[in-house]
Amino acid sequence: MEPAELVARLEAISRERPDRVLRLRGQMQQPPEVFELVVFRGFSSSTTHPTAFDPDQPVLPPGAVISQAELLAAPLDPDHEHHLRGPLPLEAFLDPEGWA
C-alpha cells in the first residue's frame, strides 16, 4: 500500500478517536530525509517538512517509508506528552482496535 493510502486510512480511523494523536516517523526517498507526521481528527500534518496547502494532496510522496508510529493522548502538549502506545510498527495502528 502506498504511503498516501496508509495515511488516508489512519486519518479515517482518527476521525472516530478525537482523544488520540498518532505520530508517524520514517524516511522519504527523494530527497532522502527523515519525516514526522501527526494524525489527528481526520487530518495529517507534517512537523518536519512543508506540505501542499491543498488538503487533497498527499503529505508523503510515493516511496516514503513509515518506520514507526506512536499513540499519544490528545490534546497534544509537546511539554507534557502522554504516551499511550509505541513506538511500534505502523501495522499496530491500521486496525481501530489499536487506538484504544
C-alpha atoms as a PDB file:
ATOM      1  CA  MET A   1       0.000   0.000   0.000  1.00  0.00           C
ATOM      2  CA  GLU A   2       1.330   3.459  -0.932  1.00  0.00           C
ATOM      3  CA  PRO A   3       2.135   5.938   1.876  1.00  0.00           C
ATOM      4  CA  ALA A   4      -0.729   8.238   0.840  1.00  0.00           C
ATOM      5  CA  GLU A   5      -3.194   5.332   1.135  1.00  0.00           C
ATOM      6  CA  LEU A   6      -1.846   4.369   4.558  1.00  0.00           C
ATOM      7  CA  VAL A   7      -2.128   7.941   5.834  1.00  0.00           C
ATOM      8  CA  ALA A   8      -5.673   8.228   4.449  1.00  0.00           C
ATOM      9  CA  ARG A   9      -6.647   5.042   6.268  1.00  0.00           C
ATOM     10  CA  LEU A  10      -5.170   6.352   9.528  1.00  0.00           C
ATOM     11  CA  GLU A  11      -6.936   9.695   9.058  1.00  0.00           C
ATOM     12  CA  ALA A  12     -10.248   7.851   8.709  1.00  0.00           C
ATOM     13  CA  ILE A  13      -9.640   5.953  11.952  1.00  0.00           C
ATOM     14  CA  SER A  14      -8.603   9.153  13.746  1.00  0.00           C
ATOM     15  CA  ARG A  15     -11.972  10.786  12.993  1.00  0.00           C
ATOM     16  CA  GLU A  16     -13.525   8.306  15.401  1.00  0.00           C
ATOM     17  CA  ARG A  17     -10.855   8.891  18.081  1.00  0.00           C
ATOM     18  CA  PRO A  18     -10.655  12.662  18.761  1.00  0.00           C
ATOM     19  CA  ASP A  19      -8.931  11.862  22.061  1.00  0.00           C
ATOM     20  CA  ARG A  20      -5.891  10.381  20.273  1.00  0.00           C
ATOM     21  CA  VAL A  21      -2.947  11.672  18.212  1.00  0.00           C
ATOM     22  CA  LEU A  22      -0.861   9.301  16.119  1.00  0.00           C
ATOM     23  CA  ARG A  23       2.724  10.350  15.422  1.00  0.00           C
ATOM     24  CA  LEU A  24       4.414   8.728  12.416  1.00  0.00           C
ATOM     25  CA  ARG A  25       8.128   8.741  11.687  1.00  0.00           C
ATOM     26  CA  GLY A  26      10.020   7.486   8.691  1.00  0.00           C
ATOM     27  CA  GLN A  27      12.179   8.243   5.675  1.00  0.00           C
ATOM     28  CA  MET A  28      11.429   9.912   2.351  1.00  0.00           C
ATOM     29  CA  GLN A  29      13.394   8.620  -0.631  1.00  0.00           C
ATOM     30  CA  GLN A  30      13.696  11.724  -2.830  1.00  0.00           C
ATOM     31  CA  PRO A  31      15.262  13.770  -1.413  1.00  0.00           C
ATOM     32  CA  PRO A  32      16.452  11.428   1.320  1.00  0.00           C
ATOM     33  CA  GLU A  33      15.284  12.899   4.614  1.00  0.00           C
ATOM     34  CA  VAL A  34      13.579  11.930   7.840  1.00  0.00           C
ATOM     35  CA  PHE A  35       9.955  12.969   8.322  1.00  0.00           C
ATOM     36  CA  GLU A  36       7.461  13.193  11.154  1.00  0.00           C
ATOM     37  CA  LEU A  37       3.690  13.453  10.745  1.00  0.00           C
ATOM     38  CA  VAL A  38       0.903  13.756  13.263  1.00  0.00           C
ATOM     39  CA  VAL A  39      -2.582  12.412  12.521  1.00  0.00           C
ATOM     40  CA  PHE A  40      -5.459  13.959  14.457  1.00  0.00           C
ATOM     41  CA  ARG A  41      -9.226  14.190  13.880  1.00  0.00           C
ATOM     42  CA  GLY A  42      -9.073  13.095  10.267  1.00  0.00           C
ATOM     43  CA  PHE A  43      -6.130  15.242   9.186  1.00  0.00           C
ATOM     44  CA  SER A  44      -2.389  14.797   8.975  1.00  0.00           C
ATOM     45  CA  SER A  45       0.241  17.456   9.347  1.00  0.00           C
ATOM     46  CA  SER A  46       3.996  17.379   8.888  1.00  0.00           C
ATOM     47  CA  THR A  47       6.216  18.670  11.661  1.00  0.00           C
ATOM     48  CA  THR A  48       9.397  18.351   9.581  1.00  0.00           C
ATOM     49  CA  HIS A  49       8.742  19.480   6.019  1.00  0.00           C
ATOM     50  CA  PRO A  50       6.419  21.750   4.049  1.00  0.00           C
ATOM     51  CA  THR A  51       3.266  20.303   2.526  1.00  0.00           C
ATOM     52  CA  ALA A  52       0.799  21.498  -0.085  1.00  0.00           C
ATOM     53  CA  PHE A  53      -1.914  23.899   1.046  1.00  0.00           C
ATOM     54  CA  ASP A  54      -4.483  21.679  -0.675  1.00  0.00           C
ATOM     55  CA  PRO A  55      -5.682  19.023   1.837  1.00  0.00           C
ATOM     56  CA  ASP A  56      -6.448  16.677  -1.080  1.00  0.00           C
ATOM     57  CA  GLN A  57      -2.721  16.451  -1.886  1.00  0.00           C
ATOM     58  CA  PRO A  58      -0.820  13.648  -0.122  1.00  0.00           C
ATOM     59  CA  VAL A  59       1.511  14.690   2.695  1.00  0.00           C
ATOM     60  CA  LEU A  60       4.007  11.959   1.767  1.00  0.00           C
ATOM     61  CA  PRO A  61       5.494  11.291  -1.652  1.00  0.00           C
ATOM     62  CA  PRO A  62       5.412   7.831  -3.241  1.00  0.00           C
ATOM     63  CA  GLY A  63       8.181   5.632  -1.900  1.00  0.00           C
ATOM     64  CA  ALA A  64       8.211   7.136   1.590  1.00  0.00           C
ATOM     65  CA  VAL A  65       8.639   4.527   4.312  1.00  0.00           C
ATOM     66  CA  ILE A  66       6.845   4.827   7.644  1.00  0.00           C
ATOM     67  CA  SER A  67       9.096   3.081  10.131  1.00  0.00           C
ATOM     68  CA  GLN A  68       7.278   3.640  13.422  1.00  0.00           C
ATOM     69  CA  ALA A  69       4.150   5.036  14.997  1.00  0.00           C
ATOM     70  CA  GLU A  70       3.212   6.059  18.499  1.00  0.00           C
ATOM     71  CA  LEU A  71      -0.144   6.823  20.013  1.00  0.00           C
ATOM     72  CA  LEU A  72      -0.491   9.874  22.241  1.00  0.00           C
ATOM     73  CA  ALA A  73      -3.347  11.340  24.260  1.00  0.00           C
ATOM     74  CA  ALA A  74      -4.980  14.439  22.800  1.00  0.00           C
ATOM     75  CA  PRO A  75      -4.776  17.339  23.026  1.00  0.00           C
ATOM     76  CA  LEU A  76      -1.060  17.180  22.301  1.00  0.00           C
ATOM     77  CA  ASP A  77       1.124  19.199  24.655  1.00  0.00           C
ATOM     78  CA  PRO A  78       4.764  19.000  23.499  1.00  0.00           C
ATOM     79  CA  ASP A  79       5.993  19.784  27.020  1.00  0.00           C
ATOM     80  CA  HIS A  80       3.907  17.040  28.652  1.00  0.00           C
ATOM     81  CA  GLU A  81       3.197  14.303  26.111  1.00  0.00           C
ATOM     82  CA  HIS A  82       1.119  11.400  27.381  1.00  0.00           C
ATOM     83  CA  HIS A  83       2.311   8.287  25.516  1.00  0.00           C
ATOM     84  CA  LEU A  84      -0.293   5.538  25.270  1.00  0.00           C
ATOM     85  CA  ARG A  85       1.402   3.011  22.937  1.00  0.00           C
ATOM     86  CA  GLY A  86       4.595   2.723  20.982  1.00  0.00           C
ATOM     87  CA  PRO A  87       6.730   3.331  19.241  1.00  0.00           C
ATOM     88  CA  LEU A  88       5.513   0.329  17.281  1.00  0.00           C
ATOM     89  CA  PRO A  89       5.368  -0.705  13.629  1.00  0.00           C
ATOM     90  CA  LEU A  90       2.634   1.088  11.691  1.00  0.00           C
ATOM     91  CA  GLU A  91       0.612  -2.126  11.341  1.00  0.00           C
ATOM     92  CA  ALA A  92      -0.306  -1.923  15.037  1.00  0.00           C
ATOM     93  CA  PHE A  93      -2.498   1.102  14.261  1.00  0.00           C
ATOM     94  CA  LEU A  94      -4.138   0.106  10.976  1.00  0.00           C
ATOM     95  CA  ASP A  95      -6.932  -1.534  12.958  1.00  0.00           C
ATOM     96  CA  PRO A  96      -9.148   0.821  15.007  1.00  0.00           C
ATOM     97  CA  GLU A  97      -8.712  -1.511  17.999  1.00  0.00           C
ATOM     98  CA  GLY A  98      -5.047  -0.458  18.112  1.00  0.00           C
ATOM     99  CA  TRP A  99      -6.158   3.075  19.020  1.00  0.00           C
ATOM    100  CA  ALA A 100      -7.840   2.016  22.285  1.00  0.00           C
END
